[in-house]
Amino acid sequence: MDSDITQSDSFWKLWAWFEKNRKQVIYGVAATFGVALVVWFFIWRHQENLIAASEALAKASTAQMTNPNASQNSAEAFLKVAADYPGSPAAERAVLLAAGSLFTQGKYPEAQAQFGQFIRQFGGSRLLAQAKLGVAASLDAQNKPTEAIAAYKDLVDRHTSDIVAPQAKFALARLYEVQNQPEQAKKLFEEIARGDSYGSIGSEAGMRLEELKLKYPSLTPPPVAVTNAPAALPVKK
């Protein structure tokens, strides 16, 4: 009984407070609802923007694959997606695809510049190692071995566990071989063969390693001599 009376008193006190502050309460609720509505609107717009960006990127990619004549303008199409939807994951991928498109067209300086732009613009991206590989490959294609070696080595040293690390190692080993540095090439080919023993790049590295050993016999240590002669018995005094 006392509990019921206490609850009733609390209710009437709350109601009295509400009546006294009715306008402030109504305005507060309205303001809260308005803020929530604005937040929801921006979230909705953001989601819609992400969907539109993904659709635009898919359209540009499909056009490149289905229309042989579209490859000449594919880089521009990808860059347009990046410009139209800045800050979206699709824009990030579009910049990288634009650089790759330039590379496949043989426009190596332009590809290098675009890969570099990706690195500067998306330094925290999970695709950063791929962009660095693009820079190194572009330098390699331009016959700039010193710069290419430095770029490949930076990728290998900083992104050891990335999926493109074996490709960078293989390219670096090949350049070391061309630059008459067989020891460095041998070390990298061995690492690749051990790390991807059942994969295509591991098999290729194993074959290149054997070719390297044939070309440079000094890389293969001489076999340890084995003798079957019994050990000499101690002389009794």
C-alpha atoms as a PDB file:
ATOM      1  CA  MET A   1       0.000   0.000   0.000  1.00  0.00           C
ATOM      2  CA  ASP A   2       2.736   2.436   0.983  1.00  0.00           C
ATOM      3  CA  SER A   3       4.574   1.471  -2.212  1.00  0.00           C
ATOM      4  CA  ASP A   4       1.532   2.350  -4.320  1.00  0.00           C
ATOM      5  CA  ILE A   5       1.244   5.728  -2.615  1.00  0.00           C
ATOM      6  CA  THR A   6       4.950   6.423  -3.174  1.00  0.00           C
ATOM      7  CA  GLN A   7       4.696   5.549  -6.880  1.00  0.00           C
ATOM      8  CA  SER A   8       1.595   7.735  -7.221  1.00  0.00           C
ATOM      9  CA  ASP A   9       3.359  10.683  -5.575  1.00  0.00           C
ATOM     10  CA  SER A  10       6.342  10.241  -7.902  1.00  0.00           C
ATOM     11  CA  PHE A  11       4.087  10.184 -10.950  1.00  0.00           C
ATOM     12  CA  TRP A  12       2.268  13.374  -9.969  1.00  0.00           C
ATOM     13  CA  LYS A  13       5.532  15.137  -9.197  1.00  0.00           C
ATOM     14  CA  LEU A  14       6.867  14.133 -12.625  1.00  0.00           C
ATOM     15  CA  TRP A  15       3.639  15.247 -14.274  1.00  0.00           C
ATOM     16  CA  ALA A  16       3.790  18.594 -12.470  1.00  0.00           C
ATOM     17  CA  TRP A  17       7.369  19.076 -13.645  1.00  0.00           C
ATOM     18  CA  PHE A  18       6.354  18.212 -17.197  1.00  0.00           C
ATOM     19  CA  GLU A  19       3.451  20.686 -17.137  1.00  0.00           C
ATOM     20  CA  LYS A  20       5.758  23.381 -15.839  1.00  0.00           C
ATOM     21  CA  ASN A  21       8.436  22.664 -18.472  1.00  0.00           C
ATOM     22  CA  ARG A  22       6.162  21.528 -21.284  1.00  0.00           C
ATOM     23  CA  LYS A  23       7.613  23.839 -23.976  1.00  0.00           C
ATOM     24  CA  GLN A  24      11.224  23.014 -23.112  1.00  0.00           C
ATOM     25  CA  VAL A  25      10.480  19.277 -23.213  1.00  0.00           C
ATOM     26  CA  ILE A  26       8.669  19.502 -26.528  1.00  0.00           C
ATOM     27  CA  TYR A  27      11.432  21.611 -28.050  1.00  0.00           C
ATOM     28  CA  GLY A  28      14.061  19.208 -26.731  1.00  0.00           C
ATOM     29  CA  VAL A  29      12.321  16.174 -28.182  1.00  0.00           C
ATOM     30  CA  ALA A  30      11.837  17.967 -31.480  1.00  0.00           C
ATOM     31  CA  ALA A  31      15.489  18.984 -31.585  1.00  0.00           C
ATOM     32  CA  THR A  32      16.625  15.438 -30.780  1.00  0.00           C
ATOM     33  CA  PHE A  33      14.352  14.026 -33.465  1.00  0.00           C
ATOM     34  CA  GLY A  34      15.637  16.608 -35.944  1.00  0.00           C
ATOM     35  CA  VAL A  35      19.270  15.708 -35.247  1.00  0.00           C
ATOM     36  CA  ALA A  36      18.475  12.001 -35.593  1.00  0.00           C
ATOM     37  CA  LEU A  37      16.729  12.676 -38.894  1.00  0.00           C
ATOM     38  CA  VAL A  38      19.695  14.628 -40.232  1.00  0.00           C
ATOM     39  CA  VAL A  39      22.120  11.883 -39.149  1.00  0.00           C
ATOM     40  CA  TRP A  40      19.944   9.229 -40.778  1.00  0.00           C
ATOM     41  CA  PHE A  41      19.794  11.276 -43.970  1.00  0.00           C
ATOM     42  CA  PHE A  42      23.569  11.582 -44.205  1.00  0.00           C
ATOM     43  CA  ILE A  43      24.035   7.869 -43.509  1.00  0.00           C
ATOM     44  CA  TRP A  44      21.465   7.063 -46.188  1.00  0.00           C
ATOM     45  CA  ARG A  45      23.139   9.396 -48.668  1.00  0.00           C
ATOM     46  CA  HIS A  46      26.525   7.868 -47.869  1.00  0.00           C
ATOM     47  CA  GLN A  47      25.218   4.348 -48.467  1.00  0.00           C
ATOM     48  CA  GLU A  48      23.543   5.424 -51.688  1.00  0.00           C
ATOM     49  CA  ASN A  49      26.793   7.078 -52.788  1.00  0.00           C
ATOM     50  CA  LEU A  50      28.760   3.901 -52.098  1.00  0.00           C
ATOM     51  CA  ILE A  51      26.285   1.844 -54.123  1.00  0.00           C
ATOM     52  CA  ALA A  52      26.377   4.307 -57.022  1.00  0.00           C
ATOM     53  CA  ALA A  53      30.201   4.356 -56.934  1.00  0.00           C
ATOM     54  CA  SER A  54      30.380   0.559 -57.045  1.00  0.00           C
ATOM     55  CA  GLU A  55      27.926   0.450 -59.935  1.00  0.00           C
ATOM     56  CA  ALA A  56      29.898   3.077 -61.875  1.00  0.00           C
ATOM     57  CA  LEU A  57      33.147   1.159 -61.328  1.00  0.00           C
ATOM     58  CA  ALA A  58      31.523  -2.109 -62.402  1.00  0.00           C
ATOM     59  CA  LYS A  59      30.196  -0.414 -65.544  1.00  0.00           C
ATOM     60  CA  ALA A  60      33.650   0.950 -66.450  1.00  0.00           C
ATOM     61  CA  SER A  61      35.265  -2.452 -65.818  1.00  0.00           C
ATOM     62  CA  THR A  62      32.641  -4.289 -67.883  1.00  0.00           C
ATOM     63  CA  ALA A  63      33.055  -1.862 -70.768  1.00  0.00           C
ATOM     64  CA  GLN A  64      36.795  -2.526 -70.834  1.00  0.00           C
ATOM     65  CA  MET A  65      36.327  -6.305 -70.850  1.00  0.00           C
ATOM     66  CA  THR A  66      33.569  -6.463 -73.447  1.00  0.00           C
ATOM     67  CA  ASN A  67      34.651  -3.727 -75.852  1.00  0.00           C
ATOM     68  CA  PRO A  68      38.134  -4.073 -77.375  1.00  0.00           C
ATOM     69  CA  ASN A  69      38.078  -0.410 -78.405  1.00  0.00           C
ATOM     70  CA  ALA A  70      37.313   0.744 -74.865  1.00  0.00           C
ATOM     71  CA  SER A  71      40.810  -0.059 -73.540  1.00  0.00           C
ATOM     72  CA  GLN A  72      42.194   3.165 -75.014  1.00  0.00           C
ATOM     73  CA  ASN A  73      39.805   5.198 -72.893  1.00  0.00           C
ATOM     74  CA  SER A  74      39.595   2.884 -69.881  1.00  0.00           C
ATOM     75  CA  ALA A  75      42.031   4.909 -67.777  1.00  0.00           C
ATOM     76  CA  GLU A  76      39.945   8.035 -68.309  1.00  0.00           C
ATOM     77  CA  ALA A  77      36.766   6.112 -67.432  1.00  0.00           C
ATOM     78  CA  PHE A  78      38.280   4.831 -64.192  1.00  0.00           C
ATOM     79  CA  LEU A  79      39.610   8.267 -63.248  1.00  0.00           C
ATOM     80  CA  LYS A  80      36.155   9.724 -63.859  1.00  0.00           C
ATOM     81  CA  VAL A  81      34.721   7.284 -61.324  1.00  0.00           C
ATOM     82  CA  ALA A  82      37.373   8.373 -58.821  1.00  0.00           C
ATOM     83  CA  ALA A  83      36.575  12.034 -59.449  1.00  0.00           C
ATOM     84  CA  ASP A  84      32.805  11.556 -59.242  1.00  0.00           C
ATOM     85  CA  TYR A  85      32.895   9.546 -56.013  1.00  0.00           C
ATOM     86  CA  PRO A  86      35.873  10.819 -53.971  1.00  0.00           C
ATOM     87  CA  GLY A  87      36.546   9.095 -50.678  1.00  0.00           C
ATOM     88  CA  SER A  88      34.696   5.914 -51.591  1.00  0.00           C
ATOM     89  CA  PRO A  89      36.316   2.445 -51.745  1.00  0.00           C
ATOM     90  CA  ALA A  90      35.355   2.366 -55.428  1.00  0.00           C
ATOM     91  CA  ALA A  91      37.362   5.553 -56.042  1.00  0.00           C
ATOM     92  CA  GLU A  92      40.402   3.925 -54.454  1.00  0.00           C
ATOM     93  CA  ARG A  93      40.138   0.876 -56.702  1.00  0.00           C
ATOM     94  CA  ALA A  94      39.404   3.045 -59.735  1.00  0.00           C
ATOM     95  CA  VAL A  95      42.678   4.970 -59.367  1.00  0.00           C
ATOM     96  CA  LEU A  96      44.621   1.713 -59.180  1.00  0.00           C
ATOM     97  CA  LEU A  97      42.748   0.268 -62.173  1.00  0.00           C
ATOM     98  CA  ALA A  98      43.489   3.422 -64.160  1.00  0.00           C
ATOM     99  CA  ALA A  99      47.189   2.982 -63.464  1.00  0.00           C
ATOM    100  CA  GLY A 100      47.026  -0.692 -64.448  1.00  0.00           C
ATOM    101  CA  SER A 101      45.211   0.202 -67.644  1.00  0.00           C
ATOM    102  CA  LEU A 102      47.932   2.678 -68.597  1.00  0.00           C
ATOM    103  CA  PHE A 103      50.552   0.002 -67.923  1.00  0.00           C
ATOM    104  CA  THR A 104      48.846  -2.588 -70.151  1.00  0.00           C
ATOM    105  CA  GLN A 105      48.690   0.036 -72.913  1.00  0.00           C
ATOM    106  CA  GLY A 106      52.476   0.412 -72.690  1.00  0.00           C
ATOM    107  CA  LYS A 107      52.264   3.948 -71.293  1.00  0.00           C
ATOM    108  CA  TYR A 108      54.839   3.231 -68.617  1.00  0.00           C
ATOM    109  CA  PRO A 109      55.747   6.784 -67.515  1.00  0.00           C
ATOM    110  CA  GLU A 110      52.051   7.663 -67.208  1.00  0.00           C
ATOM    111  CA  ALA A 111      51.392   4.411 -65.348  1.00  0.00           C
ATOM    112  CA  GLN A 112      54.261   5.120 -62.962  1.00  0.00           C
ATOM    113  CA  ALA A 113      52.857   8.590 -62.258  1.00  0.00           C
ATOM    114  CA  GLN A 114      49.374   7.192 -61.624  1.00  0.00           C
ATOM    115  CA  PHE A 115      50.645   4.445 -59.321  1.00  0.00           C
ATOM    116  CA  GLY A 116      52.593   7.119 -57.469  1.00  0.00           C
ATOM    117  CA  GLN A 117      49.441   9.202 -57.182  1.00  0.00           C
ATOM    118  CA  PHE A 118      47.671   6.246 -55.589  1.00  0.00           C
ATOM    119  CA  ILE A 119      50.484   5.859 -53.036  1.00  0.00           C
ATOM    120  CA  ARG A 120      50.295   9.528 -52.093  1.00  0.00           C
ATOM    121  CA  GLN A 121      46.503   9.625 -51.989  1.00  0.00           C
ATOM    122  CA  PHE A 122      45.812   6.272 -50.316  1.00  0.00           C
ATOM    123  CA  GLY A 123      48.862   5.668 -48.147  1.00  0.00           C
ATOM    124  CA  GLY A 124      46.915   3.541 -45.677  1.00  0.00           C
ATOM    125  CA  SER A 125      45.225   1.342 -48.263  1.00  0.00           C
ATOM    126  CA  ARG A 126      45.349  -2.454 -48.182  1.00  0.00           C
ATOM    127  CA  LEU A 127      46.239  -2.186 -51.891  1.00  0.00           C
ATOM    128  CA  LEU A 128      49.356  -0.108 -51.209  1.00  0.00           C
ATOM    129  CA  ALA A 129      51.756  -2.959 -51.967  1.00  0.00           C
ATOM    130  CA  GLN A 130      50.099  -3.507 -55.347  1.00  0.00           C
ATOM    131  CA  ALA A 131      50.599   0.162 -56.204  1.00  0.00           C
ATOM    132  CA  LYS A 132      54.264  -0.087 -55.183  1.00  0.00           C
ATOM    133  CA  LEU A 133      54.628  -3.153 -57.396  1.00  0.00           C
ATOM    134  CA  GLY A 134      53.142  -1.088 -60.221  1.00  0.00           C
ATOM    135  CA  VAL A 135      55.716   1.662 -59.711  1.00  0.00           C
ATOM    136  CA  ALA A 136      58.573  -0.850 -59.698  1.00  0.00           C
ATOM    137  CA  ALA A 137      57.253  -2.666 -62.772  1.00  0.00           C
ATOM    138  CA  SER A 138      56.834   0.643 -64.605  1.00  0.00           C
ATOM    139  CA  LEU A 139      60.442   1.562 -63.868  1.00  0.00           C
ATOM    140  CA  ASP A 140      61.507  -1.932 -64.919  1.00  0.00           C
ATOM    141  CA  ALA A 141      59.592  -1.602 -68.203  1.00  0.00           C
ATOM    142  CA  GLN A 142      61.306   1.733 -68.847  1.00  0.00           C
ATOM    143  CA  ASN A 143      64.677  -0.035 -68.573  1.00  0.00           C
ATOM    144  CA  LYS A 144      65.668   1.770 -65.372  1.00  0.00           C
ATOM    145  CA  PRO A 145      67.186  -1.162 -63.439  1.00  0.00           C
ATOM    146  CA  THR A 146      68.735   0.834 -60.600  1.00  0.00           C
ATOM    147  CA  GLU A 147      65.485   2.613 -59.763  1.00  0.00           C
ATOM    148  CA  ALA A 148      63.473  -0.580 -60.294  1.00  0.00           C
ATOM    149  CA  ILE A 149      65.719  -2.575 -57.940  1.00  0.00           C
ATOM    150  CA  ALA A 150      65.300   0.082 -55.243  1.00  0.00           C
ATOM    151  CA  ALA A 151      61.503   0.057 -55.694  1.00  0.00           C
ATOM    152  CA  TYR A 152      61.228  -3.737 -55.646  1.00  0.00           C
ATOM    153  CA  LYS A 153      63.494  -3.962 -52.596  1.00  0.00           C
ATOM    154  CA  ASP A 154      61.433  -1.371 -50.735  1.00  0.00           C
ATOM    155  CA  LEU A 155      58.291  -3.412 -51.411  1.00  0.00           C
ATOM    156  CA  VAL A 156      59.916  -6.685 -50.321  1.00  0.00           C
ATOM    157  CA  ASP A 157      61.350  -5.160 -47.144  1.00  0.00           C
ATOM    158  CA  ARG A 158      58.186  -3.336 -46.078  1.00  0.00           C
ATOM    159  CA  HIS A 159      55.471  -5.759 -47.255  1.00  0.00           C
ATOM    160  CA  THR A 160      56.999  -9.178 -46.673  1.00  0.00           C
ATOM    161  CA  SER A 161      53.703 -10.954 -46.019  1.00  0.00           C
ATOM    162  CA  ASP A 162      51.684  -9.267 -48.776  1.00  0.00           C
ATOM    163  CA  ILE A 163      50.276 -11.380 -51.583  1.00  0.00           C
ATOM    164  CA  VAL A 164      52.406  -9.564 -54.194  1.00  0.00           C
ATOM    165  CA  ALA A 165      55.696 -10.014 -52.270  1.00  0.00           C
ATOM    166  CA  PRO A 166      56.697 -13.203 -54.177  1.00  0.00           C
ATOM    167  CA  GLN A 167      56.194 -11.407 -57.515  1.00  0.00           C
ATOM    168  CA  ALA A 168      58.365  -8.533 -56.328  1.00  0.00           C
ATOM    169  CA  LYS A 169      61.032 -10.953 -55.101  1.00  0.00           C
ATOM    170  CA  PHE A 170      61.037 -12.802 -58.420  1.00  0.00           C
ATOM    171  CA  ALA A 171      61.367  -9.584 -60.410  1.00  0.00           C
ATOM    172  CA  LEU A 172      64.120  -8.379 -58.080  1.00  0.00           C
ATOM    173  CA  ALA A 173      66.001 -11.669 -58.417  1.00  0.00           C
ATOM    174  CA  ARG A 174      65.777 -11.444 -62.196  1.00  0.00           C
ATOM    175  CA  LEU A 175      67.196  -7.930 -62.143  1.00  0.00           C
ATOM    176  CA  TYR A 176      70.015  -9.011 -59.822  1.00  0.00           C
ATOM    177  CA  GLU A 177      70.828 -11.781 -62.305  1.00  0.00           C
ATOM    178  CA  VAL A 178      70.895  -9.321 -65.206  1.00  0.00           C
ATOM    179  CA  GLN A 179      73.072  -6.957 -63.157  1.00  0.00           C
ATOM    180  CA  ASN A 180      75.568  -9.787 -62.605  1.00  0.00           C
ATOM    181  CA  GLN A 181      74.772 -10.200 -58.913  1.00  0.00           C
ATOM    182  CA  PRO A 182      74.110 -13.976 -58.834  1.00  0.00           C
ATOM    183  CA  GLU A 183      74.468 -14.379 -55.062  1.00  0.00           C
ATOM    184  CA  GLN A 184      71.579 -11.988 -54.369  1.00  0.00           C
ATOM    185  CA  ALA A 185      69.509 -13.606 -57.128  1.00  0.00           C
ATOM    186  CA  LYS A 186      70.176 -17.096 -55.755  1.00  0.00           C
ATOM    187  CA  LYS A 187      69.051 -16.098 -52.263  1.00  0.00           C
ATOM    188  CA  LEU A 188      65.744 -14.686 -53.508  1.00  0.00           C
ATOM    189  CA  PHE A 189      65.007 -17.601 -55.855  1.00  0.00           C
ATOM    190  CA  GLU A 190      65.587 -19.989 -52.938  1.00  0.00           C
ATOM    191  CA  GLU A 191      63.226 -18.017 -50.694  1.00  0.00           C
ATOM    192  CA  ILE A 192      60.485 -18.041 -53.320  1.00  0.00           C
ATOM    193  CA  ALA A 193      60.909 -21.757 -54.056  1.00  0.00           C
ATOM    194  CA  ARG A 194      60.660 -22.597 -50.340  1.00  0.00           C
ATOM    195  CA  GLY A 195      57.706 -20.306 -49.682  1.00  0.00           C
ATOM    196  CA  ASP A 196      55.643 -21.401 -52.708  1.00  0.00           C
ATOM    197  CA  SER A 197      56.900 -24.908 -53.374  1.00  0.00           C
ATOM    198  CA  TYR A 198      53.620 -26.044 -54.953  1.00  0.00           C
ATOM    199  CA  GLY A 199      52.719 -22.823 -56.755  1.00  0.00           C
ATOM    200  CA  SER A 200      53.574 -21.648 -60.253  1.00  0.00           C
ATOM    201  CA  ILE A 201      55.896 -18.852 -59.149  1.00  0.00           C
ATOM    202  CA  GLY A 202      57.671 -21.223 -56.761  1.00  0.00           C
ATOM    203  CA  SER A 203      58.194 -23.758 -59.570  1.00  0.00           C
ATOM    204  CA  GLU A 204      59.466 -21.028 -61.885  1.00  0.00           C
ATOM    205  CA  ALA A 205      61.847 -19.812 -59.186  1.00  0.00           C
ATOM    206  CA  GLY A 206      63.141 -23.369 -58.728  1.00  0.00           C
ATOM    207  CA  MET A 207      63.871 -23.682 -62.452  1.00  0.00           C
ATOM    208  CA  ARG A 208      65.578 -20.290 -62.567  1.00  0.00           C
ATOM    209  CA  LEU A 209      67.651 -21.315 -59.556  1.00  0.00           C
ATOM    210  CA  GLU A 210      68.908 -24.445 -61.303  1.00  0.00           C
ATOM    211  CA  GLU A 211      69.728 -22.433 -64.429  1.00  0.00           C
ATOM    212  CA  LEU A 212      71.584 -19.926 -62.278  1.00  0.00           C
ATOM    213  CA  LYS A 213      73.665 -22.676 -60.655  1.00  0.00           C
ATOM    214  CA  LEU A 214      74.603 -24.069 -64.068  1.00  0.00           C
ATOM    215  CA  LYS A 215      75.601 -20.616 -65.251  1.00  0.00           C
ATOM    216  CA  TYR A 216      77.575 -19.875 -62.090  1.00  0.00           C
ATOM    217  CA  PRO A 217      79.091 -23.145 -60.779  1.00  0.00           C
ATOM    218  CA  SER A 218      80.667 -21.265 -57.891  1.00  0.00           C
ATOM    219  CA  LEU A 219      77.207 -20.867 -56.370  1.00  0.00           C
ATOM    220  CA  THR A 220      77.103 -24.627 -55.676  1.00  0.00           C
ATOM    221  CA  PRO A 221      79.453 -25.647 -52.851  1.00  0.00           C
ATOM    222  CA  PRO A 222      81.584 -28.735 -53.558  1.00  0.00           C
ATOM    223  CA  PRO A 223      80.273 -31.957 -52.023  1.00  0.00           C
ATOM    224  CA  VAL A 224      81.742 -33.019 -48.710  1.00  0.00           C
ATOM    225  CA  ALA A 225      84.140 -35.926 -49.173  1.00  0.00           C
ATOM    226  CA  VAL A 226      82.937 -39.155 -47.558  1.00  0.00           C
ATOM    227  CA  THR A 227      85.392 -41.863 -46.611  1.00  0.00           C
ATOM    228  CA  ASN A 228      84.628 -45.426 -45.636  1.00  0.00           C
ATOM    229  CA  ALA A 229      88.020 -46.021 -44.117  1.00  0.00           C
ATOM    230  CA  PRO A 230      87.774 -47.311 -40.519  1.00  0.00           C
ATOM    231  CA  ALA A 231      88.883 -44.996 -37.819  1.00  0.00           C
ATOM    232  CA  ALA A 232      92.422 -45.591 -36.600  1.00  0.00           C
ATOM    233  CA  LEU A 233      92.594 -47.646 -33.426  1.00  0.00           C
ATOM    234  CA  PRO A 234      94.410 -46.093 -30.482  1.00  0.00           C
ATOM    235  CA  VAL A 235      97.926 -47.377 -29.972  1.00  0.00           C
ATOM    236  CA  LYS A 236      98.341 -49.370 -26.806  1.00  0.00           C
ATOM    237  CA  LYS A 237     101.280 -48.402 -24.637  1.00  0.00           C
END
